[in-house]
Protein backbone atom coordinates (compact mmCIF):
# COMPACT_ATOMS: atom_id res chain seq x y z
CA MET A 1 20.22 21.88 31.32
CA LYS A 2 20.24 19.18 28.68
CA ARG A 3 19.45 20.19 25.23
CA HIS A 4 16.36 17.38 25.55
CA VAL A 5 14.76 18.69 28.52
CA ILE A 6 14.92 22.00 26.88
CA PHE A 7 13.54 20.98 23.74
CA ASN A 8 10.42 19.31 25.77
CA LEU A 9 9.58 22.16 27.69
CA MET A 10 9.26 24.57 24.57
CA LEU A 11 7.29 21.70 22.78
CA GLY A 12 5.00 21.35 25.99
CA LEU A 13 4.45 25.61 26.29
CA PHE A 14 3.29 25.02 22.89
CA ILE A 15 1.49 22.73 22.86
CA LEU A 16 -0.40 24.66 25.96
CA ILE A 17 -1.03 27.66 24.31
CA LEU A 18 -1.76 26.15 20.72
CA PRO A 19 -5.30 25.89 20.74
CA SER A 20 -6.02 29.56 21.75
CA LEU A 21 -3.66 31.00 19.39
CA SER A 22 -4.24 28.77 15.84
CA HIS A 23 -5.05 31.05 13.21
CA GLY A 24 -8.01 29.82 11.10
CA GLU A 25 -10.78 31.36 8.88
CA GLU A 26 -11.88 34.35 10.25
CA PRO A 27 -15.29 34.18 12.05
CA LYS A 28 -18.46 35.40 10.80
CA LEU A 29 -21.49 36.22 13.37
CA GLN A 30 -24.84 36.90 11.93
CA ASP A 31 -27.08 39.63 13.36
CA SER A 32 -30.47 40.41 13.92
CA GLN A 33 -31.00 42.20 10.21
CA ASN A 34 -29.68 38.69 8.39
CA GLU A 35 -26.28 40.32 7.67
CA VAL A 36 -22.70 38.92 7.87
CA ARG A 37 -20.35 40.58 9.45
CA VAL A 38 -16.82 39.86 9.83
CA ILE A 39 -14.99 39.84 13.46
CA GLU A 40 -11.08 40.09 13.03
CA LYS A 41 -9.10 37.48 14.16
CA SER A 42 -6.96 37.33 16.97
CA PRO A 43 -3.19 38.98 16.24
CA TRP A 44 -1.53 36.41 18.61
CA GLY A 45 -0.08 33.34 17.00
CA VAL A 46 2.93 30.99 17.60
CA ALA A 47 5.46 29.63 15.25
CA ILE A 48 8.31 27.01 15.78
CA GLY A 49 11.31 26.21 13.68
CA VAL A 50 14.66 25.01 13.95
CA ARG A 51 18.23 27.01 13.13
CA SER A 52 21.15 26.31 11.63
CA THR A 53 23.96 28.70 12.86
CA TYR A 54 27.50 29.90 12.13
CA PHE A 55 29.44 31.62 14.78
CA GLN A 56 32.49 33.65 14.96
CA MET A 57 34.03 34.69 17.86
CA GLN A 58 35.30 38.71 18.31
CA GLN A 59 37.82 38.25 21.33
CA ASN A 60 39.48 34.96 20.93
CA THR A 61 42.88 35.47 19.86
CA GLY A 62 45.91 35.99 22.34
CA PRO A 63 47.42 35.96 25.01
CA ILE A 64 44.66 34.98 26.24
CA PHE A 65 45.60 33.04 29.95
CA ARG A 66 48.93 31.10 30.29
CA ASN A 67 50.27 29.71 26.77
CA ILE A 68 46.44 30.14 25.08
CA ASP A 69 46.83 32.11 22.40
CA LEU A 70 43.39 31.00 20.80
CA LEU A 71 39.75 29.74 20.92
CA GLU A 72 39.33 28.15 17.51
CA GLU A 73 35.74 27.59 16.79
CA GLU A 74 34.28 24.23 16.63
CA GLN A 75 31.11 24.28 13.99
CA ASN A 76 28.23 22.68 13.62
CA LEU A 77 25.73 23.68 10.83
CA ALA A 78 23.46 20.77 11.56
CA PRO A 79 20.16 22.19 11.66
CA TYR A 80 18.95 21.09 15.32
CA LYS A 81 18.50 24.44 17.53
CA PRO A 82 14.65 25.30 18.23
CA ILE A 83 12.98 28.01 18.16
CA LEU A 84 9.67 28.91 19.73
CA GLN A 85 8.01 32.56 18.42
CA ILE A 86 5.00 33.87 20.36
CA ASN A 87 3.39 36.92 18.36
CA TYR A 88 1.18 39.24 20.22
CA SER A 89 0.49 41.90 17.36
CA SER A 90 1.56 42.48 14.09
CA ASN A 91 4.37 44.23 14.84
CA TRP A 92 5.61 42.61 18.34
CA ALA A 93 6.74 38.89 18.88
CA LEU A 94 8.71 37.09 21.98
CA GLU A 95 11.53 34.71 20.73
CA PHE A 96 12.97 31.54 22.92
CA GLY A 97 16.08 30.05 21.11
CA TYR A 98 18.57 27.34 22.20
CA ASP A 99 22.07 27.42 20.52
CA ARG A 100 25.40 25.23 21.01
CA PHE A 101 28.67 26.47 20.70
CA LYS A 102 32.47 24.67 21.22
CA ALA A 103 35.82 26.60 20.82
CA ASN A 104 38.97 24.67 21.54
CA THR A 105 41.83 26.34 23.62
CA LEU A 106 45.03 26.38 21.75
CA ASN A 107 48.57 26.77 22.77
CA GLN A 108 51.36 28.70 21.42
CA GLY A 109 54.08 26.73 19.20
CA SER A 110 57.26 25.55 21.01
CA GLU A 111 60.07 23.57 20.02
CA GLY A 112 58.87 20.71 17.51
CA VAL A 113 55.53 21.59 17.88
CA ALA A 114 53.70 23.84 15.51
CA ALA A 115 51.51 26.76 17.11
CA ASN A 116 47.77 26.41 17.43
CA ASP A 117 48.34 22.72 16.99
CA LYS A 118 44.92 20.73 17.98
CA ASN A 119 46.78 17.69 19.20
CA TRP A 120 48.23 20.54 22.19
CA ALA A 121 45.18 21.91 23.09
CA ASP A 122 44.38 22.17 26.41
CA GLY A 123 40.58 21.22 26.40
CA ALA A 124 37.77 22.50 24.64
CA LEU A 125 35.02 25.10 26.33
CA GLU A 126 31.27 24.36 25.70
CA TRP A 127 28.44 26.93 26.07
CA GLN A 128 24.85 26.17 25.45
CA PRO A 129 22.64 29.42 25.37
CA ILE A 130 19.04 29.56 25.95
CA MET A 131 18.33 33.38 24.40
CA MET A 132 14.98 35.18 24.88
CA ALA A 133 14.27 38.24 23.02
CA LEU A 134 12.20 40.60 22.03
CA GLN A 135 11.46 41.10 18.60
CA PHE A 136 10.13 44.73 16.34
CA ARG A 137 8.74 43.66 13.08
CA TRP A 138 7.56 45.45 9.88
CA PRO A 139 5.06 42.82 7.47
CA LEU A 140 6.16 44.15 3.73
CA PHE A 141 4.37 43.22 0.76
CA ASN A 142 1.47 41.90 1.46
CA LYS A 143 3.31 40.71 4.53
CA TYR A 144 5.45 38.07 2.60
CA VAL A 145 8.29 39.56 3.56
CA VAL A 146 8.89 40.56 7.29
CA PRO A 147 12.38 42.02 8.44
CA TYR A 148 12.79 42.70 11.96
CA VAL A 149 15.06 44.18 14.77
CA VAL A 150 15.28 41.50 17.86
CA GLY A 151 17.11 42.28 21.63
CA GLY A 152 17.41 40.67 24.58
CA LEU A 153 19.25 38.36 27.40
CA SER A 154 20.79 35.11 27.60
CA TYR A 155 21.06 32.16 30.50
CA THR A 156 23.92 30.62 28.78
CA LYS A 157 25.10 26.74 30.15
CA THR A 158 29.07 26.25 30.47
CA SER A 159 31.67 23.68 30.79
CA TRP A 160 34.98 22.07 30.15
CA ASN A 161 35.77 19.24 28.03
CA ARG A 162 39.32 18.50 29.08
CA ASN A 163 42.34 16.77 27.37
CA GLU A 164 43.15 14.04 29.23
CA TRP A 165 47.32 14.24 28.48
CA TYR A 166 46.94 17.61 29.93
CA TYR A 167 44.78 16.92 32.58
CA TYR A 168 47.11 14.09 33.68
CA GLY A 169 50.45 16.13 33.55
CA PHE A 170 51.92 13.99 30.72
CA SER A 171 54.47 16.26 28.73
CA SER A 172 53.26 15.62 25.40
CA LEU A 173 50.46 14.29 23.50
CA ALA A 174 53.03 11.27 22.52
CA GLU A 175 54.32 10.65 25.71
CA TYR A 176 50.34 9.83 26.67
CA THR A 177 49.99 8.17 23.16
CA ASN A 178 52.81 6.18 24.62
CA TRP A 179 51.98 5.26 27.83
CA THR A 180 48.37 4.70 26.91
CA SER A 181 48.93 2.40 24.23
CA LEU A 182 50.91 -0.10 26.59
CA GLY A 183 47.68 -0.76 28.31
CA ASN A 184 48.36 1.66 31.36
CA ARG A 185 46.06 4.16 32.80
CA PRO A 186 46.80 7.33 32.29
CA GLU A 187 46.50 8.31 36.36
CA ASP A 188 48.55 5.77 36.68
CA LEU A 189 52.04 7.93 35.68
CA PRO A 190 54.39 8.01 38.25
CA ASN A 191 54.31 12.18 38.62
CA ASN A 192 53.15 12.12 42.38
CA SER A 193 49.16 12.28 40.21
CA TYR A 194 50.50 15.84 39.17
CA ARG A 195 46.98 17.50 37.64
CA ARG A 196 46.18 20.68 35.55
CA ILE A 197 42.51 21.09 36.51
CA PHE A 198 40.60 23.90 34.60
CA SER A 199 37.09 24.51 36.33
CA VAL A 200 34.89 26.91 34.60
CA ASP A 201 31.53 28.21 36.19
CA ASP A 202 28.54 26.54 35.06
CA HIS A 203 26.44 29.36 33.91
CA THR A 204 26.35 32.92 32.69
CA ILE A 205 24.43 35.50 31.86
CA GLY A 206 24.10 37.22 28.53
CA SER A 207 22.62 39.67 26.06
CA LEU A 208 22.35 39.80 22.08
CA LEU A 209 21.33 42.50 19.70
CA GLY A 210 20.29 41.73 16.11
CA LEU A 211 18.60 41.90 13.03
CA GLY A 212 16.59 39.33 10.81
CA VAL A 213 13.97 38.53 8.39
CA ASP A 214 11.26 35.90 7.28
CA PHE A 215 10.03 34.89 3.77
CA PHE A 216 6.95 33.34 3.82
CA VAL A 217 7.18 30.44 0.82
CA TRP A 218 3.54 29.26 1.83
CA LYS A 219 0.96 30.38 4.06
CA ASN A 220 2.27 29.75 7.10
CA LEU A 221 5.84 28.51 6.44
CA ALA A 222 8.79 30.72 6.02
CA LEU A 223 12.57 30.78 5.75
CA ASN A 224 14.08 32.47 8.41
CA LEU A 225 17.75 34.47 7.83
CA ASP A 226 19.17 36.27 11.40
CA TRP A 227 22.35 37.88 12.36
CA ARG A 228 22.83 38.56 15.31
CA TYR A 229 25.79 39.70 18.03
CA HIS A 230 25.70 37.55 21.61
CA TRP A 231 27.87 39.07 24.38
CA ALA A 232 28.89 36.47 27.05
CA GLN A 233 31.56 35.69 29.41
CA VAL A 234 32.38 32.92 31.87
CA ASN A 235 35.16 33.05 34.64
CA PHE A 236 37.04 29.88 35.28
CA THR A 237 40.03 29.00 37.97
CA TYR A 238 42.98 26.92 36.68
CA THR A 239 45.12 25.26 39.31
CA LEU A 240 48.25 22.94 39.68
CA ALA A 241 48.04 20.48 42.18
CA TYR A 242 49.69 16.99 43.25
CA ASP A 243 47.92 13.88 44.80
CA GLY A 244 45.11 14.10 42.28
CA GLY A 245 44.31 17.58 42.97
CA ARG A 246 44.04 17.25 46.69
CA ASN A 247 47.44 19.23 47.46
CA ILE A 248 47.34 22.20 45.51
CA VAL A 249 50.55 23.94 44.09
CA SER A 250 48.91 27.43 43.01
CA GLN A 251 45.53 28.33 41.89
CA GLN A 252 44.71 31.58 38.87
CA PRO A 253 41.75 32.69 38.09
CA GLY A 254 40.84 33.76 34.45
CA THR A 255 37.99 34.55 31.96
CA PHE A 256 37.26 33.19 28.48
CA VAL A 257 35.31 36.13 26.46
CA LEU A 258 32.43 34.81 24.52
CA ASP A 259 31.56 37.91 22.60
CA SER A 260 30.38 36.34 18.78
CA TRP A 261 28.49 36.94 15.79
CA ILE A 262 25.95 34.19 14.81
CA LEU A 263 24.72 33.85 11.48
CA GLY A 264 21.31 31.77 11.28
CA LEU A 265 19.29 29.96 8.67
CA GLY A 266 16.17 27.85 9.55
CA VAL A 267 12.57 27.85 9.03
CA LYS A 268 9.54 27.98 10.79
CA TYR A 269 5.76 26.94 10.81
CA PHE A 270 3.50 29.35 11.96
CA PHE A 271 0.05 28.62 13.71
């Protein structure tokens, strides 16, 4: 599922529920004795926001698979990861969030090649979880500081970004560079169309648990700090083949473990 599709779905949900959840002044009712009594407003509410995240994988050192001995995190700190939060009491809320992670598959060193040289990576693994979680919140200090615990599940889309030199069977990145610099296509290398193919499952289910806090800097605006652990893994198949992948020499299954600590810093607006 593309990022913009996910965000549009979340925005559409927000537009549908906003009219009934919006916070305004507390309504008042005039009774028959000309006395005014206040009707308590609903605890229901909604918040939208964005978050920047930094992640640290916990099972990313090898040996992992064949000559892969490191999944190196590639950080993207841009604050574009959306949050939708639905409060249904002062203590409970549902949270929906989107994130995106990437790790390069780095190899053991060999003669003339430094260990974990990015230029020699087989490719990169990318995963995009949609996290659905339940928050238990404690409003403190006149509700300006709201710590919470969070736990839930994730649906994660996964993909493999191949490195062309590795996929097309070149012996090194230098050989690939020399070949293509002459105007040749990589698939035309005279090696009987040898291929080294990683294929990963397109999705996986995970879980999460963490802590966070909302600091209200204004009536409806809060800074958010969130620290959580995300459990997930994805299965893959590694294939060696000739004839462009049709003549299979061998296949080997494996698993990439994606377990990570995730630190998030963001902003939320409460309606």
